[in-house]
Amino acid sequence: MSDARTAAGKPAQRADARRNAGNVLEAAAEVFVTSGVDAPIREIAARAGVGTATIYRHYPTRADLILAVYRLQVEALAEAGPALLADEPGPHRALVRWIDRFVDFVVTKQGLASVLQSDEPCYDPLHAYFLERLVPVCTQLLDAAAAAGEIVPGQDAHELMRGVGSLCAGAGTAAPYDARHLVQLLINGLRRSGPL
């Protein structure tokens, strides 16, 4: 009996293996938020409902798992931009909703900061990948809102994302700090109040 093959000639992944890999990434993302990226693999396995061997089969090293989780979440954020533009009543509302998701992403990735600043070269491409995927999405949202006359035109997506990231940096401090409220003030400041 011959194995099912993909177009590239590699064996096709069974449906249960794909499901397990997806469960592992979702579980790892949740565990990384609550316990950090150094959480025991057995904790991730228990949350995913699989054995640790399943995790190591898909992601042989912790770095492989961290990279996969990060990429999955960046892709979800990148895909959300056009979907929100299509579904929301106006481009500014789509921008607000996307920035809200971006805040969730940035705040939950605070634990990833130490990993990204490590000396391990496998993490070097993550920042470039993040910018390559998300700056065009933010640009599309800003351009649509400007074209609709809802925000002041000429906004720079990279600058806005850096500003949001900076506001979110204090989210883990002990003092009361509402990053989401501050980001909302920033986004409201983009609104066009009248003829310029």
N, C-alpha and C. Protein backbone atom coordinates (compact mmCIF):
# COMPACT_ATOMS: atom_id res chain seq x y z
N MET A 1 0.85 -1.18 0.00
CA MET A 1 0.00 0.00 0.00
C MET A 1 0.90 1.24 0.00
N SER A 2 0.69 2.15 -0.95
CA SER A 2 1.56 3.31 -1.07
C SER A 2 1.05 4.44 -0.19
N ASP A 3 2.01 5.22 0.32
CA ASP A 3 1.66 6.38 1.14
C ASP A 3 1.09 7.48 0.26
N ALA A 4 0.16 8.28 0.85
CA ALA A 4 -0.31 9.47 0.16
C ALA A 4 0.85 10.46 0.10
N ARG A 5 1.01 11.12 -1.03
CA ARG A 5 2.13 12.05 -1.19
C ARG A 5 1.62 13.44 -1.52
N THR A 6 2.39 14.42 -1.11
CA THR A 6 2.08 15.80 -1.46
C THR A 6 2.69 16.09 -2.82
N ALA A 7 2.46 17.29 -3.32
CA ALA A 7 3.01 17.69 -4.62
C ALA A 7 4.53 17.68 -4.59
N ALA A 8 5.12 17.93 -3.43
CA ALA A 8 6.57 17.98 -3.32
C ALA A 8 7.18 16.59 -3.17
N GLY A 9 6.33 15.54 -3.15
CA GLY A 9 6.83 14.19 -3.03
C GLY A 9 7.03 13.72 -1.60
N LYS A 10 6.70 14.57 -0.63
CA LYS A 10 6.82 14.19 0.78
C LYS A 10 5.53 13.51 1.22
N PRO A 11 5.62 12.64 2.22
CA PRO A 11 4.39 12.00 2.70
C PRO A 11 3.41 13.05 3.23
N ALA A 12 2.13 12.90 2.88
CA ALA A 12 1.10 13.81 3.37
C ALA A 12 0.91 13.58 4.86
N GLN A 13 0.70 14.64 5.61
CA GLN A 13 0.51 14.53 7.05
C GLN A 13 -0.91 14.07 7.32
N ARG A 14 -1.06 13.09 8.19
CA ARG A 14 -2.38 12.59 8.54
C ARG A 14 -3.18 13.68 9.22
N ALA A 15 -4.51 13.58 9.11
CA ALA A 15 -5.39 14.59 9.70
C ALA A 15 -5.19 14.69 11.21
N ASP A 16 -5.01 13.55 11.88
CA ASP A 16 -4.84 13.60 13.34
C ASP A 16 -3.49 14.23 13.71
N ALA A 17 -2.47 14.03 12.87
CA ALA A 17 -1.17 14.65 13.13
C ALA A 17 -1.25 16.16 12.97
N ARG A 18 -1.98 16.61 11.94
CA ARG A 18 -2.17 18.06 11.75
C ARG A 18 -2.96 18.66 12.92
N ARG A 19 -3.98 17.92 13.36
CA ARG A 19 -4.79 18.39 14.49
C ARG A 19 -3.94 18.47 15.76
N ASN A 20 -3.12 17.44 15.99
CA ASN A 20 -2.24 17.45 17.16
C ASN A 20 -1.28 18.63 17.12
N ALA A 21 -0.69 18.89 15.95
CA ALA A 21 0.25 20.00 15.81
C ALA A 21 -0.45 21.32 16.12
N GLY A 22 -1.69 21.48 15.62
CA GLY A 22 -2.46 22.69 15.90
C GLY A 22 -2.78 22.83 17.38
N ASN A 23 -3.16 21.71 18.02
CA ASN A 23 -3.47 21.72 19.45
C ASN A 23 -2.23 22.09 20.26
N VAL A 24 -1.08 21.58 19.84
CA VAL A 24 0.16 21.87 20.54
C VAL A 24 0.47 23.36 20.47
N LEU A 25 0.32 23.97 19.29
CA LEU A 25 0.62 25.40 19.15
C LEU A 25 -0.33 26.25 19.98
N GLU A 26 -1.61 25.91 19.96
CA GLU A 26 -2.58 26.66 20.78
C GLU A 26 -2.25 26.53 22.26
N ALA A 27 -1.97 25.29 22.69
CA ALA A 27 -1.63 25.05 24.09
C ALA A 27 -0.35 25.78 24.48
N ALA A 28 0.66 25.72 23.61
CA ALA A 28 1.93 26.38 23.89
C ALA A 28 1.73 27.89 24.02
N ALA A 29 0.92 28.47 23.14
CA ALA A 29 0.65 29.91 23.20
C ALA A 29 0.04 30.28 24.55
N GLU A 30 -0.93 29.48 25.02
CA GLU A 30 -1.58 29.75 26.30
C GLU A 30 -0.59 29.60 27.47
N VAL A 31 0.20 28.54 27.43
CA VAL A 31 1.15 28.27 28.50
C VAL A 31 2.23 29.35 28.54
N PHE A 32 2.69 29.79 27.36
CA PHE A 32 3.72 30.84 27.31
C PHE A 32 3.23 32.12 27.98
N VAL A 33 1.93 32.41 27.83
CA VAL A 33 1.36 33.61 28.44
C VAL A 33 1.35 33.48 29.96
N THR A 34 0.93 32.31 30.46
CA THR A 34 0.78 32.15 31.91
C THR A 34 2.08 31.77 32.61
N SER A 35 2.93 30.97 31.94
CA SER A 35 4.12 30.44 32.61
C SER A 35 5.43 30.83 31.97
N GLY A 36 5.38 31.57 30.86
CA GLY A 36 6.61 31.97 30.18
C GLY A 36 7.09 30.94 29.18
N VAL A 37 8.02 31.35 28.34
CA VAL A 37 8.50 30.47 27.27
C VAL A 37 9.39 29.34 27.78
N ASP A 38 9.79 29.40 29.04
CA ASP A 38 10.59 28.32 29.64
C ASP A 38 9.73 27.30 30.37
N ALA A 39 8.42 27.37 30.20
CA ALA A 39 7.52 26.43 30.87
C ALA A 39 7.87 24.99 30.48
N PRO A 40 7.65 24.05 31.40
CA PRO A 40 7.95 22.65 31.08
C PRO A 40 7.12 22.15 29.90
N ILE A 41 7.76 21.37 29.05
CA ILE A 41 7.08 20.80 27.89
C ILE A 41 5.91 19.93 28.33
N ARG A 42 6.03 19.26 29.47
CA ARG A 42 4.94 18.40 29.96
C ARG A 42 3.69 19.23 30.26
N GLU A 43 3.86 20.51 30.68
CA GLU A 43 2.71 21.38 30.92
C GLU A 43 1.98 21.67 29.61
N ILE A 44 2.74 21.92 28.56
CA ILE A 44 2.14 22.17 27.24
C ILE A 44 1.46 20.91 26.73
N ALA A 45 2.12 19.76 26.90
CA ALA A 45 1.55 18.48 26.45
C ALA A 45 0.23 18.20 27.16
N ALA A 46 0.20 18.42 28.47
CA ALA A 46 -1.03 18.17 29.24
C ALA A 46 -2.16 19.06 28.75
N ARG A 47 -1.86 20.33 28.49
CA ARG A 47 -2.91 21.24 28.02
C ARG A 47 -3.38 20.87 26.62
N ALA A 48 -2.47 20.35 25.81
CA ALA A 48 -2.82 19.97 24.43
C ALA A 48 -3.48 18.60 24.35
N GLY A 49 -3.37 17.82 25.43
CA GLY A 49 -3.95 16.47 25.42
C GLY A 49 -3.13 15.49 24.60
N VAL A 50 -1.81 15.70 24.57
CA VAL A 50 -0.91 14.80 23.84
C VAL A 50 0.25 14.43 24.74
N GLY A 51 1.06 13.48 24.30
CA GLY A 51 2.26 13.13 25.04
C GLY A 51 3.41 14.05 24.67
N THR A 52 4.42 14.10 25.51
CA THR A 52 5.57 14.96 25.21
C THR A 52 6.27 14.50 23.93
N ALA A 53 6.22 13.20 23.64
CA ALA A 53 6.85 12.69 22.42
C ALA A 53 6.22 13.31 21.18
N THR A 54 4.92 13.56 21.23
CA THR A 54 4.23 14.19 20.09
C THR A 54 4.77 15.59 19.86
N ILE A 55 5.00 16.33 20.95
CA ILE A 55 5.54 17.68 20.81
C ILE A 55 6.93 17.62 20.19
N TYR A 56 7.78 16.74 20.70
CA TYR A 56 9.15 16.66 20.18
C TYR A 56 9.18 16.14 18.74
N ARG A 57 8.19 15.35 18.36
CA ARG A 57 8.13 14.87 16.96
C ARG A 57 7.88 16.04 16.01
N HIS A 58 7.00 16.95 16.41
CA HIS A 58 6.68 18.11 15.56
C HIS A 58 7.68 19.25 15.73
N TYR A 59 8.16 19.43 16.97
CA TYR A 59 9.04 20.56 17.29
C TYR A 59 10.21 20.02 18.12
N PRO A 60 11.28 19.58 17.45
CA PRO A 60 12.38 18.90 18.14
C PRO A 60 13.06 19.73 19.23
N THR A 61 13.04 21.06 19.12
CA THR A 61 13.65 21.90 20.14
C THR A 61 12.64 22.93 20.63
N ARG A 62 12.91 23.49 21.80
CA ARG A 62 12.05 24.56 22.34
C ARG A 62 12.02 25.74 21.38
N ALA A 63 13.17 26.04 20.76
CA ALA A 63 13.23 27.15 19.80
C ALA A 63 12.28 26.90 18.63
N ASP A 64 12.20 25.66 18.15
CA ASP A 64 11.28 25.33 17.05
C ASP A 64 9.83 25.62 17.47
N LEU A 65 9.50 25.26 18.70
CA LEU A 65 8.14 25.48 19.20
C LEU A 65 7.84 26.97 19.35
N ILE A 66 8.78 27.71 19.92
CA ILE A 66 8.59 29.15 20.11
C ILE A 66 8.41 29.83 18.75
N LEU A 67 9.26 29.49 17.80
CA LEU A 67 9.16 30.07 16.46
C LEU A 67 7.81 29.76 15.81
N ALA A 68 7.36 28.52 15.95
CA ALA A 68 6.09 28.13 15.34
C ALA A 68 4.91 28.88 15.95
N VAL A 69 4.92 29.03 17.28
CA VAL A 69 3.85 29.77 17.95
C VAL A 69 3.86 31.22 17.50
N TYR A 70 5.02 31.83 17.49
CA TYR A 70 5.15 33.22 17.10
C TYR A 70 4.66 33.44 15.67
N ARG A 71 5.09 32.58 14.76
CA ARG A 71 4.69 32.71 13.35
C ARG A 71 3.19 32.52 13.18
N LEU A 72 2.63 31.56 13.87
CA LEU A 72 1.19 31.31 13.78
C LEU A 72 0.41 32.54 14.22
N GLN A 73 0.84 33.16 15.30
CA GLN A 73 0.12 34.32 15.81
C GLN A 73 0.33 35.56 14.94
N VAL A 74 1.50 35.71 14.38
CA VAL A 74 1.73 36.81 13.43
C VAL A 74 0.85 36.63 12.21
N GLU A 75 0.76 35.40 11.70
CA GLU A 75 -0.07 35.14 10.53
C GLU A 75 -1.55 35.43 10.82
N ALA A 76 -2.02 35.04 11.99
CA ALA A 76 -3.41 35.31 12.36
C ALA A 76 -3.67 36.81 12.40
N LEU A 77 -2.72 37.57 12.91
CA LEU A 77 -2.85 39.03 12.98
C LEU A 77 -2.81 39.63 11.57
N ALA A 78 -1.95 39.10 10.73
CA ALA A 78 -1.85 39.60 9.35
C ALA A 78 -3.15 39.34 8.58
N GLU A 79 -3.74 38.18 8.78
CA GLU A 79 -4.98 37.83 8.08
C GLU A 79 -6.18 38.60 8.62
N ALA A 80 -6.10 39.04 9.87
CA ALA A 80 -7.22 39.74 10.48
C ALA A 80 -7.46 41.11 9.85
N GLY A 81 -6.40 41.78 9.37
CA GLY A 81 -6.56 43.12 8.82
C GLY A 81 -7.54 43.19 7.67
N PRO A 82 -7.30 42.45 6.58
CA PRO A 82 -8.25 42.47 5.46
C PRO A 82 -9.64 41.97 5.85
N ALA A 83 -9.70 41.00 6.75
CA ALA A 83 -11.01 40.48 7.18
C ALA A 83 -11.80 41.55 7.92
N LEU A 84 -11.13 42.31 8.78
CA LEU A 84 -11.80 43.38 9.52
C LEU A 84 -12.25 44.49 8.57
N LEU A 85 -11.42 44.82 7.58
CA LEU A 85 -11.81 45.83 6.60
C LEU A 85 -13.09 45.42 5.87
N ALA A 86 -13.21 44.13 5.59
CA ALA A 86 -14.39 43.63 4.89
C ALA A 86 -15.62 43.57 5.79
N ASP A 87 -15.42 43.32 7.09
CA ASP A 87 -16.55 43.06 7.99
C ASP A 87 -17.02 44.26 8.80
N GLU A 88 -16.13 45.18 9.10
CA GLU A 88 -16.50 46.30 9.97
C GLU A 88 -17.25 47.39 9.19
N PRO A 89 -18.04 48.22 9.88
CA PRO A 89 -18.83 49.24 9.19
C PRO A 89 -17.99 50.36 8.57
N GLY A 90 -16.77 50.55 9.00
CA GLY A 90 -15.91 51.58 8.42
C GLY A 90 -14.45 51.24 8.65
N PRO A 91 -13.55 51.84 7.85
CA PRO A 91 -12.13 51.53 7.98
C PRO A 91 -11.52 51.93 9.32
N HIS A 92 -12.00 53.04 9.92
CA HIS A 92 -11.45 53.43 11.22
C HIS A 92 -11.81 52.39 12.27
N ARG A 93 -13.03 51.90 12.22
CA ARG A 93 -13.45 50.85 13.16
C ARG A 93 -12.60 49.59 12.95
N ALA A 94 -12.30 49.25 11.68
CA ALA A 94 -11.44 48.10 11.39
C ALA A 94 -10.04 48.32 11.97
N LEU A 95 -9.53 49.55 11.82
CA LEU A 95 -8.21 49.88 12.37
C LEU A 95 -8.21 49.74 13.89
N VAL A 96 -9.24 50.26 14.55
CA VAL A 96 -9.35 50.18 16.01
C VAL A 96 -9.35 48.72 16.45
N ARG A 97 -10.15 47.89 15.79
CA ARG A 97 -10.25 46.47 16.16
C ARG A 97 -8.92 45.76 15.92
N TRP A 98 -8.24 46.10 14.82
CA TRP A 98 -6.95 45.45 14.53
C TRP A 98 -5.90 45.86 15.55
N ILE A 99 -5.86 47.15 15.89
CA ILE A 99 -4.90 47.62 16.89
C ILE A 99 -5.18 46.95 18.23
N ASP A 100 -6.45 46.71 18.55
CA ASP A 100 -6.80 46.02 19.78
C ASP A 100 -6.19 44.61 19.78
N ARG A 101 -6.27 43.93 18.66
CA ARG A 101 -5.65 42.59 18.54
C ARG A 101 -4.13 42.70 18.60
N PHE A 102 -3.60 43.75 18.01
CA PHE A 102 -2.15 43.96 18.05
C PHE A 102 -1.70 44.16 19.50
N VAL A 103 -2.47 44.92 20.28
CA VAL A 103 -2.16 45.12 21.70
C VAL A 103 -2.15 43.77 22.42
N ASP A 104 -3.16 42.94 22.18
CA ASP A 104 -3.19 41.60 22.79
C ASP A 104 -1.91 40.85 22.46
N PHE A 105 -1.53 40.89 21.18
CA PHE A 105 -0.33 40.18 20.73
C PHE A 105 0.91 40.71 21.44
N VAL A 106 1.07 42.04 21.47
CA VAL A 106 2.27 42.64 22.06
C VAL A 106 2.34 42.37 23.56
N VAL A 107 1.22 42.52 24.26
CA VAL A 107 1.21 42.32 25.71
C VAL A 107 1.52 40.87 26.05
N THR A 108 0.92 39.93 25.31
CA THR A 108 1.16 38.51 25.61
C THR A 108 2.54 38.06 25.16
N LYS A 109 3.21 38.84 24.33
CA LYS A 109 4.55 38.47 23.87
C LYS A 109 5.65 39.11 24.71
N GLN A 110 5.29 39.78 25.81
CA GLN A 110 6.32 40.40 26.64
C GLN A 110 7.36 39.37 27.09
N GLY A 111 6.91 38.14 27.41
CA GLY A 111 7.83 37.10 27.83
C GLY A 111 8.76 36.66 26.73
N LEU A 112 8.39 36.95 25.49
CA LEU A 112 9.23 36.58 24.35
C LEU A 112 10.40 37.54 24.19
N ALA A 113 10.33 38.70 24.84
CA ALA A 113 11.37 39.71 24.67
C ALA A 113 12.75 39.17 25.03
N SER A 114 12.84 38.43 26.12
CA SER A 114 14.16 37.89 26.51
C SER A 114 14.68 36.90 25.48
N VAL A 115 13.76 36.15 24.89
CA VAL A 115 14.15 35.19 23.85
C VAL A 115 14.66 35.95 22.63
N LEU A 116 13.95 36.99 22.24
CA LEU A 116 14.33 37.74 21.05
C LEU A 116 15.66 38.47 21.24
N GLN A 117 16.02 38.75 22.49
CA GLN A 117 17.28 39.43 22.76
C GLN A 117 18.41 38.45 23.08
N SER A 118 18.12 37.16 22.95
CA SER A 118 19.14 36.15 23.26
C SER A 118 20.18 36.12 22.14
N ASP A 119 21.25 35.38 22.40
CA ASP A 119 22.33 35.25 21.41
C ASP A 119 22.06 34.15 20.39
N GLU A 120 20.93 33.45 20.53
CA GLU A 120 20.66 32.35 19.63
C GLU A 120 20.28 32.88 18.25
N PRO A 121 21.05 32.51 17.21
CA PRO A 121 20.80 33.05 15.87
C PRO A 121 19.46 32.61 15.27
N CYS A 122 18.88 31.53 15.77
CA CYS A 122 17.61 31.05 15.20
C CYS A 122 16.49 32.06 15.39
N TYR A 123 16.63 32.98 16.38
CA TYR A 123 15.59 33.97 16.62
C TYR A 123 15.80 35.27 15.84
N ASP A 124 16.93 35.42 15.20
CA ASP A 124 17.25 36.67 14.50
C ASP A 124 16.19 37.08 13.47
N PRO A 125 15.66 36.14 12.68
CA PRO A 125 14.71 36.55 11.64
C PRO A 125 13.32 36.95 12.15
N LEU A 126 13.02 36.72 13.43
CA LEU A 126 11.66 36.96 13.92
C LEU A 126 11.22 38.41 13.79
N HIS A 127 12.07 39.34 14.16
CA HIS A 127 11.67 40.74 14.10
C HIS A 127 11.41 41.18 12.67
N ALA A 128 12.30 40.77 11.75
CA ALA A 128 12.11 41.12 10.33
C ALA A 128 10.82 40.50 9.80
N TYR A 129 10.55 39.28 10.19
CA TYR A 129 9.33 38.59 9.76
C TYR A 129 8.10 39.32 10.27
N PHE A 130 8.14 39.73 11.53
CA PHE A 130 7.06 40.47 12.16
C PHE A 130 6.75 41.74 11.37
N LEU A 131 7.79 42.52 11.06
CA LEU A 131 7.61 43.77 10.31
C LEU A 131 7.14 43.50 8.88
N GLU A 132 7.73 42.51 8.25
CA GLU A 132 7.39 42.19 6.86
C GLU A 132 5.92 41.81 6.71
N ARG A 133 5.38 41.11 7.70
CA ARG A 133 3.99 40.66 7.62
C ARG A 133 2.99 41.71 8.12
N LEU A 134 3.37 42.48 9.15
CA LEU A 134 2.37 43.33 9.80
C LEU A 134 2.37 44.79 9.37
N VAL A 135 3.51 45.33 8.99
CA VAL A 135 3.53 46.74 8.56
C VAL A 135 2.63 46.95 7.33
N PRO A 136 2.66 46.07 6.31
CA PRO A 136 1.76 46.27 5.17
C PRO A 136 0.27 46.20 5.55
N VAL A 137 -0.06 45.37 6.52
CA VAL A 137 -1.46 45.26 6.96
C VAL A 137 -1.89 46.55 7.65
N CYS A 138 -1.05 47.05 8.54
CA CYS A 138 -1.36 48.30 9.22
C CYS A 138 -1.43 49.45 8.22
N THR A 139 -0.54 49.45 7.23
CA THR A 139 -0.56 50.47 6.18
C THR A 139 -1.87 50.44 5.42
N GLN A 140 -2.33 49.24 5.08
CA GLN A 140 -3.60 49.09 4.36
C GLN A 140 -4.76 49.66 5.18
N LEU A 141 -4.78 49.39 6.46
CA LEU A 141 -5.84 49.90 7.33
C LEU A 141 -5.78 51.43 7.44
N LEU A 142 -4.57 51.96 7.63
CA LEU A 142 -4.42 53.41 7.72
C LEU A 142 -4.82 54.09 6.41
N ASP A 143 -4.39 53.54 5.28
CA ASP A 143 -4.72 54.12 3.98
C ASP A 143 -6.22 54.11 3.72
N ALA A 144 -6.88 53.01 4.11
CA ALA A 144 -8.34 52.92 3.91
C ALA A 144 -9.06 53.94 4.77
N ALA A 145 -8.62 54.10 6.01
CA ALA A 145 -9.26 55.07 6.91
C ALA A 145 -9.01 56.50 6.43
N ALA A 146 -7.81 56.78 5.90
CA ALA A 146 -7.51 58.11 5.37
C ALA A 146 -8.33 58.38 4.11
N ALA A 147 -8.42 57.39 3.23
CA ALA A 147 -9.19 57.55 1.98
C ALA A 147 -10.67 57.80 2.28
N ALA A 148 -11.16 57.24 3.37
CA ALA A 148 -12.56 57.44 3.76
C ALA A 148 -12.75 58.77 4.50
N GLY A 149 -11.65 59.50 4.73
CA GLY A 149 -11.73 60.77 5.43
C GLY A 149 -11.92 60.63 6.93
N GLU A 150 -11.62 59.43 7.47
CA GLU A 150 -11.85 59.18 8.89
C GLU A 150 -10.64 59.52 9.77
N ILE A 151 -9.45 59.53 9.17
CA ILE A 151 -8.25 59.90 9.94
C ILE A 151 -7.42 60.88 9.12
N VAL A 152 -6.49 61.53 9.80
CA VAL A 152 -5.57 62.44 9.13
C VAL A 152 -4.68 61.61 8.21
N PRO A 153 -4.57 61.97 6.94
CA PRO A 153 -3.74 61.18 6.02
C PRO A 153 -2.25 61.29 6.32
N GLY A 154 -1.48 60.38 5.75
CA GLY A 154 -0.03 60.43 5.85
C GLY A 154 0.56 59.77 7.08
N GLN A 155 -0.21 58.90 7.73
CA GLN A 155 0.30 58.23 8.93
C GLN A 155 1.24 57.08 8.53
N ASP A 156 2.27 56.88 9.32
CA ASP A 156 3.26 55.84 9.06
C ASP A 156 2.96 54.62 9.93
N ALA A 157 2.74 53.48 9.30
CA ALA A 157 2.35 52.26 10.01
C ALA A 157 3.43 51.80 10.98
N HIS A 158 4.68 51.82 10.55
CA HIS A 158 5.76 51.36 11.42
C HIS A 158 5.86 52.24 12.66
N GLU A 159 5.73 53.53 12.47
CA GLU A 159 5.78 54.48 13.59
C GLU A 159 4.62 54.23 14.56
N LEU A 160 3.42 54.02 14.02
CA LEU A 160 2.26 53.75 14.86
C LEU A 160 2.45 52.46 15.66
N MET A 161 2.92 51.41 14.99
CA MET A 161 3.13 50.14 15.67
C MET A 161 4.19 50.25 16.77
N ARG A 162 5.23 51.02 16.50
CA ARG A 162 6.26 51.25 17.54
C ARG A 162 5.67 52.00 18.73
N GLY A 163 4.84 53.00 18.42
CA GLY A 163 4.19 53.75 19.49
C GLY A 163 3.30 52.87 20.35
N VAL A 164 2.52 52.03 19.70
CA VAL A 164 1.65 51.10 20.44
C VAL A 164 2.51 50.16 21.28
N GLY A 165 3.57 49.63 20.68
CA GLY A 165 4.47 48.74 21.41
C GLY A 165 5.07 49.41 22.63
N SER A 166 5.46 50.66 22.48
CA SER A 166 6.04 51.40 23.61
C SER A 166 5.02 51.61 24.72
N LEU A 167 3.79 51.92 24.34
CA LEU A 167 2.74 52.09 25.35
C LEU A 167 2.45 50.78 26.08
N CYS A 168 2.59 49.67 25.37
CA CYS A 168 2.32 48.35 25.97
C CYS A 168 3.46 47.87 26.85
N ALA A 169 4.63 48.48 26.71
CA ALA A 169 5.80 48.01 27.46
C ALA A 169 5.60 48.11 28.96
N GLY A 170 4.78 49.04 29.43
CA GLY A 170 4.54 49.18 30.86
C GLY A 170 3.47 48.28 31.41
N ALA A 171 2.87 47.45 30.54
CA ALA A 171 1.74 46.62 30.96
C ALA A 171 2.10 45.61 32.04
N GLY A 172 3.36 45.21 32.13
CA GLY A 172 3.74 44.22 33.13
C GLY A 172 4.23 44.81 34.43
N THR A 173 4.17 46.12 34.57
CA THR A 173 4.67 46.75 35.81
C THR A 173 3.69 46.55 36.95
N ALA A 174 4.18 46.69 38.16
CA ALA A 174 3.33 46.50 39.34
C ALA A 174 2.33 47.64 39.51
N ALA A 175 2.72 48.85 39.10
CA ALA A 175 1.83 50.00 39.27
C ALA A 175 0.61 49.87 38.35
N PRO A 176 -0.51 50.44 38.77
CA PRO A 176 -1.68 50.42 37.88
C PRO A 176 -1.34 51.10 36.55
N TYR A 177 -1.55 50.37 35.48
CA TYR A 177 -1.17 50.88 34.16
C TYR A 177 -2.11 50.26 33.14
N ASP A 178 -2.89 51.06 32.46
CA ASP A 178 -3.87 50.56 31.50
C ASP A 178 -3.37 50.87 30.09
N ALA A 179 -2.58 49.96 29.55
CA ALA A 179 -2.01 50.15 28.21
C ALA A 179 -3.10 50.29 27.17
N ARG A 180 -4.15 49.51 27.30
CA ARG A 180 -5.23 49.55 26.29
C ARG A 180 -5.88 50.93 26.25
N HIS A 181 -6.07 51.56 27.42
CA HIS A 181 -6.65 52.90 27.47
C HIS A 181 -5.73 53.91 26.78
N LEU A 182 -4.43 53.81 27.04
CA LEU A 182 -3.48 54.74 26.42
C LEU A 182 -3.42 54.55 24.91
N VAL A 183 -3.48 53.30 24.46
CA VAL A 183 -3.49 53.03 23.02
C VAL A 183 -4.77 53.59 22.39
N GLN A 184 -5.88 53.46 23.09
CA GLN A 184 -7.13 54.01 22.58
C GLN A 184 -7.02 55.53 22.40
N LEU A 185 -6.39 56.21 23.35
CA LEU A 185 -6.18 57.65 23.21
C LEU A 185 -5.32 57.96 21.99
N LEU A 186 -4.30 57.16 21.77
CA LEU A 186 -3.43 57.34 20.61
C LEU A 186 -4.22 57.19 19.31
N ILE A 187 -5.00 56.13 19.21
CA ILE A 187 -5.76 55.86 17.99
C ILE A 187 -6.83 56.93 17.78
N ASN A 188 -7.46 57.37 18.86
CA ASN A 188 -8.45 58.45 18.75
C ASN A 188 -7.81 59.73 18.22
N GLY A 189 -6.53 59.92 18.54
CA GLY A 189 -5.81 61.10 18.08
C GLY A 189 -5.59 61.13 16.57
N LEU A 190 -5.77 60.00 15.91
CA LEU A 190 -5.66 59.95 14.44
C LEU A 190 -6.90 60.49 13.75
N ARG A 191 -8.00 60.58 14.50
CA ARG A 191 -9.28 60.98 13.89
C ARG A 191 -9.18 62.37 13.27
N ARG A 192 -9.86 62.51 12.17
CA ARG A 192 -9.91 63.81 11.48
C ARG A 192 -11.09 64.57 12.07
N SER A 193 -10.83 65.70 12.67
CA SER A 193 -11.89 66.45 13.35
C SER A 193 -12.57 67.46 12.42
N GLY A 194 -11.97 67.75 11.32
CA GLY A 194 -12.54 68.73 10.39
C GLY A 194 -11.58 68.98 9.26
N PRO A 195 -11.86 69.92 8.38
CA PRO A 195 -10.97 70.19 7.25
C PRO A 195 -9.59 70.62 7.72
N LEU A 196 -8.57 70.11 7.08
CA LEU A 196 -7.20 70.50 7.43
C LEU A 196 -6.64 71.41 6.37
